[in-house]
Amino acid sequence: MRRACREGVGRAPKNSCAMRSIGFFMNLLGGLAAVAAGIYLLAHNSETGPTWLDVIAHGTGVFFIGCGAFMIGSSLLAASDR
């Protein structure tokens, strides 16, 4: 008698320690790049005075810093679970 086919995907093999380290490093690098871009956008002002572009750039800078903090935090959390 044949065994019934199971639907879905089987278990994925565990990642090696080197691959986990590379993934953590890349997540950390991406988070730091987002934070750096946010700081850059917050630090620069136009020479003509306050404009709407400054407001948008500063808002985007805060958003990038938040995204970078989230990426770094989630990669630290994922690394601690292993």
PDB file of N, CA and C in Angstrom:
ATOM      1  N   MET A   1       0.836  -1.169   0.000  1.00  0.00           N
ATOM      2  CA  MET A   1       0.000   0.000   0.000  1.00  0.00           C
ATOM      3  C   MET A   1       0.891   1.246   0.000  1.00  0.00           C
ATOM      4  N   ARG A   2       0.542   2.196  -0.858  1.00  0.00           N
ATOM      5  CA  ARG A   2       1.316   3.436  -0.955  1.00  0.00           C
ATOM      6  C   ARG A   2       0.946   4.390   0.165  1.00  0.00           C
ATOM      7  N   ARG A   3       1.958   5.118   0.607  1.00  0.00           N
ATOM      8  CA  ARG A   3       1.705   6.149   1.612  1.00  0.00           C
ATOM      9  C   ARG A   3       1.094   7.365   0.929  1.00  0.00           C
ATOM     10  N   ALA A   4       0.195   7.988   1.597  1.00  0.00           N
ATOM     11  CA  ALA A   4      -0.455   9.180   1.046  1.00  0.00           C
ATOM     12  C   ALA A   4       0.552  10.329   0.994  1.00  0.00           C
ATOM     13  N   CYS A   5       0.471  11.092  -0.085  1.00  0.00           N
ATOM     14  CA  CYS A   5       1.343  12.259  -0.218  1.00  0.00           C
ATOM     15  C   CYS A   5       0.908  13.326   0.772  1.00  0.00           C
ATOM     16  N   ARG A   6       1.878  13.918   1.415  1.00  0.00           N
ATOM     17  CA  ARG A   6       1.575  15.008   2.328  1.00  0.00           C
ATOM     18  C   ARG A   6       1.656  16.314   1.553  1.00  0.00           C
ATOM     19  N   GLU A   7       0.703  17.159   1.788  1.00  0.00           N
ATOM     20  CA  GLU A   7       0.707  18.452   1.122  1.00  0.00           C
ATOM     21  C   GLU A   7       1.572  19.424   1.892  1.00  0.00           C
ATOM     22  N   GLY A   8       2.013  20.451   1.206  1.00  0.00           N
ATOM     23  CA  GLY A   8       2.800  21.491   1.849  1.00  0.00           C
ATOM     24  C   GLY A   8       4.284  21.247   1.692  1.00  0.00           C
ATOM     25  N   VAL A   9       5.022  22.086   2.314  1.00  0.00           N
ATOM     26  CA  VAL A   9       6.465  22.039   2.221  1.00  0.00           C
ATOM     27  C   VAL A   9       7.006  21.305   3.439  1.00  0.00           C
ATOM     28  N   GLY A  10       7.989  20.491   3.203  1.00  0.00           N
ATOM     29  CA  GLY A  10       8.616  19.781   4.308  1.00  0.00           C
ATOM     30  C   GLY A  10       9.457  20.702   5.157  1.00  0.00           C
ATOM     31  N   ARG A  11      10.094  20.138   6.135  1.00  0.00           N
ATOM     32  CA  ARG A  11      10.938  20.934   7.019  1.00  0.00           C
ATOM     33  C   ARG A  11      12.133  21.482   6.266  1.00  0.00           C
ATOM     34  N   ALA A  12      12.429  22.717   6.520  1.00  0.00           N
ATOM     35  CA  ALA A  12      13.603  23.336   5.907  1.00  0.00           C
ATOM     36  C   ALA A  12      14.831  22.974   6.736  1.00  0.00           C
ATOM     37  N   PRO A  13      15.954  22.735   6.085  1.00  0.00           N
ATOM     38  CA  PRO A  13      17.155  22.432   6.856  1.00  0.00           C
ATOM     39  C   PRO A  13      17.590  23.651   7.654  1.00  0.00           C
ATOM     40  N   LYS A  14      18.228  23.396   8.777  1.00  0.00           N
ATOM     41  CA  LYS A  14      18.701  24.499   9.610  1.00  0.00           C
ATOM     42  C   LYS A  14      19.847  25.207   8.916  1.00  0.00           C
ATOM     43  N   ASN A  15      19.896  26.510   9.085  1.00  0.00           N
ATOM     44  CA  ASN A  15      20.991  27.286   8.507  1.00  0.00           C
ATOM     45  C   ASN A  15      22.262  27.041   9.296  1.00  0.00           C
ATOM     46  N   SER A  16      23.366  27.076   8.594  1.00  0.00           N
ATOM     47  CA  SER A  16      24.637  26.907   9.275  1.00  0.00           C
ATOM     48  C   SER A  16      24.954  28.158  10.080  1.00  0.00           C
ATOM     49  N   CYS A  17      25.886  28.025  10.985  1.00  0.00           N
ATOM     50  CA  CYS A  17      26.274  29.159  11.837  1.00  0.00           C
ATOM     51  C   CYS A  17      26.829  30.302  10.987  1.00  0.00           C
ATOM     52  N   ALA A  18      27.582  29.964   9.944  1.00  0.00           N
ATOM     53  CA  ALA A  18      28.154  31.007   9.085  1.00  0.00           C
ATOM     54  C   ALA A  18      27.049  31.779   8.359  1.00  0.00           C
ATOM     55  N   MET A  19      26.032  31.084   7.876  1.00  0.00           N
ATOM     56  CA  MET A  19      24.936  31.757   7.173  1.00  0.00           C
ATOM     57  C   MET A  19      24.134  32.635   8.130  1.00  0.00           C
ATOM     58  N   ARG A  20      23.923  32.171   9.354  1.00  0.00           N
ATOM     59  CA  ARG A  20      23.220  32.996  10.332  1.00  0.00           C
ATOM     60  C   ARG A  20      24.018  34.249  10.658  1.00  0.00           C
ATOM     61  N   SER A  21      25.330  34.105  10.752  1.00  0.00           N
ATOM     62  CA  SER A  21      26.183  35.258  11.042  1.00  0.00           C
ATOM     63  C   SER A  21      26.142  36.268   9.902  1.00  0.00           C
ATOM     64  N   ILE A  22      26.174  35.765   8.665  1.00  0.00           N
ATOM     65  CA  ILE A  22      26.103  36.657   7.506  1.00  0.00           C
ATOM     66  C   ILE A  22      24.749  37.371   7.473  1.00  0.00           C
ATOM     67  N   GLY A  23      23.670  36.650   7.736  1.00  0.00           N
ATOM     68  CA  GLY A  23      22.338  37.250   7.763  1.00  0.00           C
ATOM     69  C   GLY A  23      22.212  38.310   8.842  1.00  0.00           C
ATOM     70  N   PHE A  24      22.751  38.022  10.028  1.00  0.00           N
ATOM     71  CA  PHE A  24      22.708  39.004  11.117  1.00  0.00           C
ATOM     72  C   PHE A  24      23.514  40.241  10.742  1.00  0.00           C
ATOM     73  N   PHE A  25      24.701  40.040  10.156  1.00  0.00           N
ATOM     74  CA  PHE A  25      25.541  41.168   9.759  1.00  0.00           C
ATOM     75  C   PHE A  25      24.851  42.019   8.701  1.00  0.00           C
ATOM     76  N   MET A  26      24.205  41.398   7.728  1.00  0.00           N
ATOM     77  CA  MET A  26      23.522  42.150   6.671  1.00  0.00           C
ATOM     78  C   MET A  26      22.320  42.917   7.241  1.00  0.00           C
ATOM     79  N   ASN A  27      21.573  42.312   8.162  1.00  0.00           N
ATOM     80  CA  ASN A  27      20.460  43.025   8.802  1.00  0.00           C
ATOM     81  C   ASN A  27      20.969  44.221   9.595  1.00  0.00           C
ATOM     82  N   LEU A  28      22.050  44.016  10.317  1.00  0.00           N
ATOM     83  CA  LEU A  28      22.631  45.104  11.095  1.00  0.00           C
ATOM     84  C   LEU A  28      23.138  46.210  10.182  1.00  0.00           C
ATOM     85  N   LEU A  29      23.776  45.845   9.081  1.00  0.00           N
ATOM     86  CA  LEU A  29      24.280  46.824   8.125  1.00  0.00           C
ATOM     87  C   LEU A  29      23.137  47.619   7.499  1.00  0.00           C
ATOM     88  N   GLY A  30      22.067  46.953   7.128  1.00  0.00           N
ATOM     89  CA  GLY A  30      20.901  47.645   6.563  1.00  0.00           C
ATOM     90  C   GLY A  30      20.261  48.594   7.566  1.00  0.00           C
ATOM     91  N   GLY A  31      20.170  48.172   8.817  1.00  0.00           N
ATOM     92  CA  GLY A  31      19.612  49.030   9.855  1.00  0.00           C
ATOM     93  C   GLY A  31      20.463  50.258  10.095  1.00  0.00           C
ATOM     94  N   LEU A  32      21.772  50.064  10.130  1.00  0.00           N
ATOM     95  CA  LEU A  32      22.666  51.201  10.326  1.00  0.00           C
ATOM     96  C   LEU A  32      22.625  52.168   9.141  1.00  0.00           C
ATOM     97  N   ALA A  33      22.494  51.627   7.925  1.00  0.00           N
ATOM     98  CA  ALA A  33      22.386  52.485   6.744  1.00  0.00           C
ATOM     99  C   ALA A  33      21.095  53.313   6.792  1.00  0.00           C
ATOM    100  N   ALA A  34      19.994  52.703   7.243  1.00  0.00           N
ATOM    101  CA  ALA A  34      18.734  53.439   7.346  1.00  0.00           C
ATOM    102  C   ALA A  34      18.829  54.540   8.395  1.00  0.00           C
ATOM    103  N   VAL A  35      19.461  54.244   9.532  1.00  0.00           N
ATOM    104  CA  VAL A  35      19.625  55.255  10.570  1.00  0.00           C
ATOM    105  C   VAL A  35      20.516  56.394  10.070  1.00  0.00           C
ATOM    106  N   ALA A  36      21.593  56.036   9.374  1.00  0.00           N
ATOM    107  CA  ALA A  36      22.492  57.067   8.842  1.00  0.00           C
ATOM    108  C   ALA A  36      21.770  57.952   7.819  1.00  0.00           C
ATOM    109  N   ALA A  37      20.949  57.355   6.963  1.00  0.00           N
ATOM    110  CA  ALA A  37      20.191  58.141   5.983  1.00  0.00           C
ATOM    111  C   ALA A  37      19.200  59.061   6.690  1.00  0.00           C
ATOM    112  N   GLY A  38      18.579  58.566   7.756  1.00  0.00           N
ATOM    113  CA  GLY A  38      17.651  59.398   8.512  1.00  0.00           C
ATOM    114  C   GLY A  38      18.341  60.578   9.175  1.00  0.00           C
ATOM    115  N   ILE A  39      19.510  60.338   9.747  1.00  0.00           N
ATOM    116  CA  ILE A  39      20.269  61.424  10.372  1.00  0.00           C
ATOM    117  C   ILE A  39      20.691  62.446   9.320  1.00  0.00           C
ATOM    118  N   TYR A  40      21.087  61.949   8.151  1.00  0.00           N
ATOM    119  CA  TYR A  40      21.472  62.855   7.060  1.00  0.00           C
ATOM    120  C   TYR A  40      20.298  63.748   6.655  1.00  0.00           C
ATOM    121  N   LEU A  41      19.117  63.166   6.515  1.00  0.00           N
ATOM    122  CA  LEU A  41      17.950  63.951   6.119  1.00  0.00           C
ATOM    123  C   LEU A  41      17.529  64.940   7.202  1.00  0.00           C
ATOM    124  N   LEU A  42      17.714  64.559   8.454  1.00  0.00           N
ATOM    125  CA  LEU A  42      17.357  65.480   9.541  1.00  0.00           C
ATOM    126  C   LEU A  42      18.353  66.615   9.681  1.00  0.00           C
ATOM    127  N   ALA A  43      19.609  66.383   9.342  1.00  0.00           N
ATOM    128  CA  ALA A  43      20.658  67.363   9.601  1.00  0.00           C
ATOM    129  C   ALA A  43      20.706  68.476   8.558  1.00  0.00           C
ATOM    130  N   HIS A  44      20.265  68.205   7.342  1.00  0.00           N
ATOM    131  CA  HIS A  44      20.410  69.197   6.276  1.00  0.00           C
ATOM    132  C   HIS A  44      19.168  70.069   6.132  1.00  0.00           C
ATOM    133  N   ASN A  45      19.418  71.356   5.914  1.00  0.00           N
ATOM    134  CA  ASN A  45      18.356  72.336   5.663  1.00  0.00           C
ATOM    135  C   ASN A  45      18.658  73.047   4.350  1.00  0.00           C
ATOM    136  N   SER A  46      17.620  73.574   3.739  1.00  0.00           N
ATOM    137  CA  SER A  46      17.846  74.314   2.501  1.00  0.00           C
ATOM    138  C   SER A  46      18.448  75.681   2.812  1.00  0.00           C
ATOM    139  N   GLU A  47      19.140  76.232   1.848  1.00  0.00           N
ATOM    140  CA  GLU A  47      19.805  77.522   2.047  1.00  0.00           C
ATOM    141  C   GLU A  47      18.839  78.698   1.983  1.00  0.00           C
ATOM    142  N   THR A  48      17.677  78.490   1.392  1.00  0.00           N
ATOM    143  CA  THR A  48      16.727  79.586   1.226  1.00  0.00           C
ATOM    144  C   THR A  48      15.790  79.739   2.410  1.00  0.00           C
ATOM    145  N   GLY A  49      15.893  78.888   3.388  1.00  0.00           N
ATOM    146  CA  GLY A  49      14.998  78.951   4.533  1.00  0.00           C
ATOM    147  C   GLY A  49      14.081  77.741   4.556  1.00  0.00           C
ATOM    148  N   PRO A  50      13.166  77.722   5.516  1.00  0.00           N
ATOM    149  CA  PRO A  50      12.280  76.561   5.638  1.00  0.00           C
ATOM    150  C   PRO A  50      11.344  76.424   4.433  1.00  0.00           C
ATOM    151  N   THR A  51      11.309  75.271   3.866  1.00  0.00           N
ATOM    152  CA  THR A  51      10.431  74.975   2.734  1.00  0.00           C
ATOM    153  C   THR A  51       9.667  73.687   3.019  1.00  0.00           C
ATOM    154  N   TRP A  52       8.709  73.381   2.161  1.00  0.00           N
ATOM    155  CA  TRP A  52       7.978  72.125   2.305  1.00  0.00           C
ATOM    156  C   TRP A  52       8.890  70.937   2.083  1.00  0.00           C
ATOM    157  N   LEU A  53       9.889  71.101   1.250  1.00  0.00           N
ATOM    158  CA  LEU A  53      10.828  70.011   1.011  1.00  0.00           C
ATOM    159  C   LEU A  53      11.611  69.681   2.277  1.00  0.00           C
ATOM    160  N   ASP A  54      11.937  70.700   3.066  1.00  0.00           N
ATOM    161  CA  ASP A  54      12.594  70.453   4.354  1.00  0.00           C
ATOM    162  C   ASP A  54      11.687  69.662   5.290  1.00  0.00           C
ATOM    163  N   VAL A  55      10.428  70.031   5.329  1.00  0.00           N
ATOM    164  CA  VAL A  55       9.477  69.332   6.196  1.00  0.00           C
ATOM    165  C   VAL A  55       9.361  67.867   5.784  1.00  0.00           C
ATOM    166  N   ILE A  56       9.256  67.634   4.487  1.00  0.00           N
ATOM    167  CA  ILE A  56       9.156  66.253   3.995  1.00  0.00           C
ATOM    168  C   ILE A  56      10.439  65.490   4.269  1.00  0.00           C
ATOM    169  N   ALA A  57      11.587  66.127   4.058  1.00  0.00           N
ATOM    170  CA  ALA A  57      12.872  65.461   4.297  1.00  0.00           C
ATOM    171  C   ALA A  57      13.046  65.126   5.773  1.00  0.00           C
ATOM    172  N   HIS A  58      12.641  66.033   6.654  1.00  0.00           N
ATOM    173  CA  HIS A  58      12.785  65.760   8.083  1.00  0.00           C
ATOM    174  C   HIS A  58      11.836  64.646   8.532  1.00  0.00           C
ATOM    175  N   GLY A  59      10.626  64.644   8.014  1.00  0.00           N
ATOM    176  CA  GLY A  59       9.698  63.557   8.329  1.00  0.00           C
ATOM    177  C   GLY A  59      10.205  62.220   7.828  1.00  0.00           C
ATOM    178  N   THR A  60      10.762  62.214   6.625  1.00  0.00           N
ATOM    179  CA  THR A  60      11.330  60.985   6.072  1.00  0.00           C
ATOM    180  C   THR A  60      12.544  60.550   6.883  1.00  0.00           C
ATOM    181  N   GLY A  61      13.328  61.496   7.367  1.00  0.00           N
ATOM    182  CA  GLY A  61      14.475  61.174   8.201  1.00  0.00           C
ATOM    183  C   GLY A  61      14.069  60.477   9.479  1.00  0.00           C
ATOM    184  N   VAL A  62      13.018  60.982  10.127  1.00  0.00           N
ATOM    185  CA  VAL A  62      12.515  60.339  11.344  1.00  0.00           C
ATOM    186  C   VAL A  62      12.006  58.935  11.024  1.00  0.00           C
ATOM    187  N   PHE A  63      11.328  58.783   9.897  1.00  0.00           N
ATOM    188  CA  PHE A  63      10.829  57.474   9.488  1.00  0.00           C
ATOM    189  C   PHE A  63      11.985  56.499   9.256  1.00  0.00           C
ATOM    190  N   PHE A  64      13.044  56.950   8.580  1.00  0.00           N
ATOM    191  CA  PHE A  64      14.199  56.081   8.334  1.00  0.00           C
ATOM    192  C   PHE A  64      14.874  55.664   9.629  1.00  0.00           C
ATOM    193  N   ILE A  65      14.971  56.584  10.577  1.00  0.00           N
ATOM    194  CA  ILE A  65      15.570  56.230  11.861  1.00  0.00           C
ATOM    195  C   ILE A  65      14.716  55.172  12.571  1.00  0.00           C
ATOM    196  N   GLY A  66      13.411  55.343  12.522  1.00  0.00           N
ATOM    197  CA  GLY A  66      12.516  54.344  13.115  1.00  0.00           C
ATOM    198  C   GLY A  66      12.625  52.993  12.431  1.00  0.00           C
ATOM    199  N   CYS A  67      12.681  52.997  11.111  1.00  0.00           N
ATOM    200  CA  CYS A  67      12.837  51.733  10.375  1.00  0.00           C
ATOM    201  C   CYS A  67      14.170  51.066  10.696  1.00  0.00           C
ATOM    202  N   GLY A  68      15.226  51.850  10.770  1.00  0.00           N
ATOM    203  CA  GLY A  68      16.536  51.297  11.108  1.00  0.00           C
ATOM    204  C   GLY A  68      16.553  50.700  12.500  1.00  0.00           C
ATOM    205  N   ALA A  69      15.935  51.385  13.456  1.00  0.00           N
ATOM    206  CA  ALA A  69      15.861  50.859  14.824  1.00  0.00           C
ATOM    207  C   ALA A  69      15.068  49.558  14.850  1.00  0.00           C
ATOM    208  N   PHE A  70      13.981  49.495  14.078  1.00  0.00           N
ATOM    209  CA  PHE A  70      13.194  48.265  14.010  1.00  0.00           C
ATOM    210  C   PHE A  70      14.000  47.128  13.391  1.00  0.00           C
ATOM    211  N   MET A  71      14.735  47.413  12.315  1.00  0.00           N
ATOM    212  CA  MET A  71      15.525  46.370  11.663  1.00  0.00           C
ATOM    213  C   MET A  71      16.612  45.847  12.588  1.00  0.00           C
ATOM    214  N   ILE A  72      17.284  46.731  13.294  1.00  0.00           N
ATOM    215  CA  ILE A  72      18.340  46.301  14.213  1.00  0.00           C
ATOM    216  C   ILE A  72      17.730  45.497  15.363  1.00  0.00           C
ATOM    217  N   GLY A  73      16.625  45.974  15.909  1.00  0.00           N
ATOM    218  CA  GLY A  73      15.977  45.254  17.009  1.00  0.00           C
ATOM    219  C   GLY A  73      15.469  43.888  16.608  1.00  0.00           C
ATOM    220  N   SER A  74      14.871  43.789  15.427  1.00  0.00           N
ATOM    221  CA  SER A  74      14.356  42.489  14.995  1.00  0.00           C
ATOM    222  C   SER A  74      15.483  41.515  14.678  1.00  0.00           C
ATOM    223  N   SER A  75      16.603  42.010  14.161  1.00  0.00           N
ATOM    224  CA  SER A  75      17.720  41.095  13.907  1.00  0.00           C
ATOM    225  C   SER A  75      18.353  40.634  15.213  1.00  0.00           C
ATOM    226  N   LEU A  76      18.415  41.505  16.219  1.00  0.00           N
ATOM    227  CA  LEU A  76      18.923  41.089  17.533  1.00  0.00           C
ATOM    228  C   LEU A  76      17.996  40.069  18.175  1.00  0.00           C
ATOM    229  N   LEU A  77      16.686  40.270  18.037  1.00  0.00           N
ATOM    230  CA  LEU A  77      15.726  39.319  18.582  1.00  0.00           C
ATOM    231  C   LEU A  77      15.813  37.971  17.887  1.00  0.00           C
ATOM    232  N   ALA A  78      15.953  37.995  16.562  1.00  0.00           N
ATOM    233  CA  ALA A  78      16.068  36.739  15.826  1.00  0.00           C
ATOM    234  C   ALA A  78      17.367  36.015  16.158  1.00  0.00           C
ATOM    235  N   ALA A  79      18.435  36.756  16.387  1.00  0.00           N
ATOM    236  CA  ALA A  79      19.708  36.128  16.736  1.00  0.00           C
ATOM    237  C   ALA A  79      19.651  35.539  18.142  1.00  0.00           C
ATOM    238  N   SER A  80      18.883  36.138  19.038  1.00  0.00           N
ATOM    239  CA  SER A  80      18.824  35.606  20.401  1.00  0.00           C
ATOM    240  C   SER A  80      17.946  34.369  20.502  1.00  0.00           C
ATOM    241  N   ASP A  81      17.052  34.166  19.527  1.00  0.00           N
ATOM    242  CA  ASP A  81      16.184  32.986  19.547  1.00  0.00           C
ATOM    243  C   ASP A  81      16.897  31.721  19.088  1.00  0.00           C
ATOM    244  N   ARG A  82      18.048  31.842  18.499  1.00  0.00           N
ATOM    245  CA  ARG A  82      18.696  30.662  17.930  1.00  0.00           C
ATOM    246  C   ARG A  82      19.587  29.999  18.888  1.00  0.00           C
TER     247      ARG A  82
END
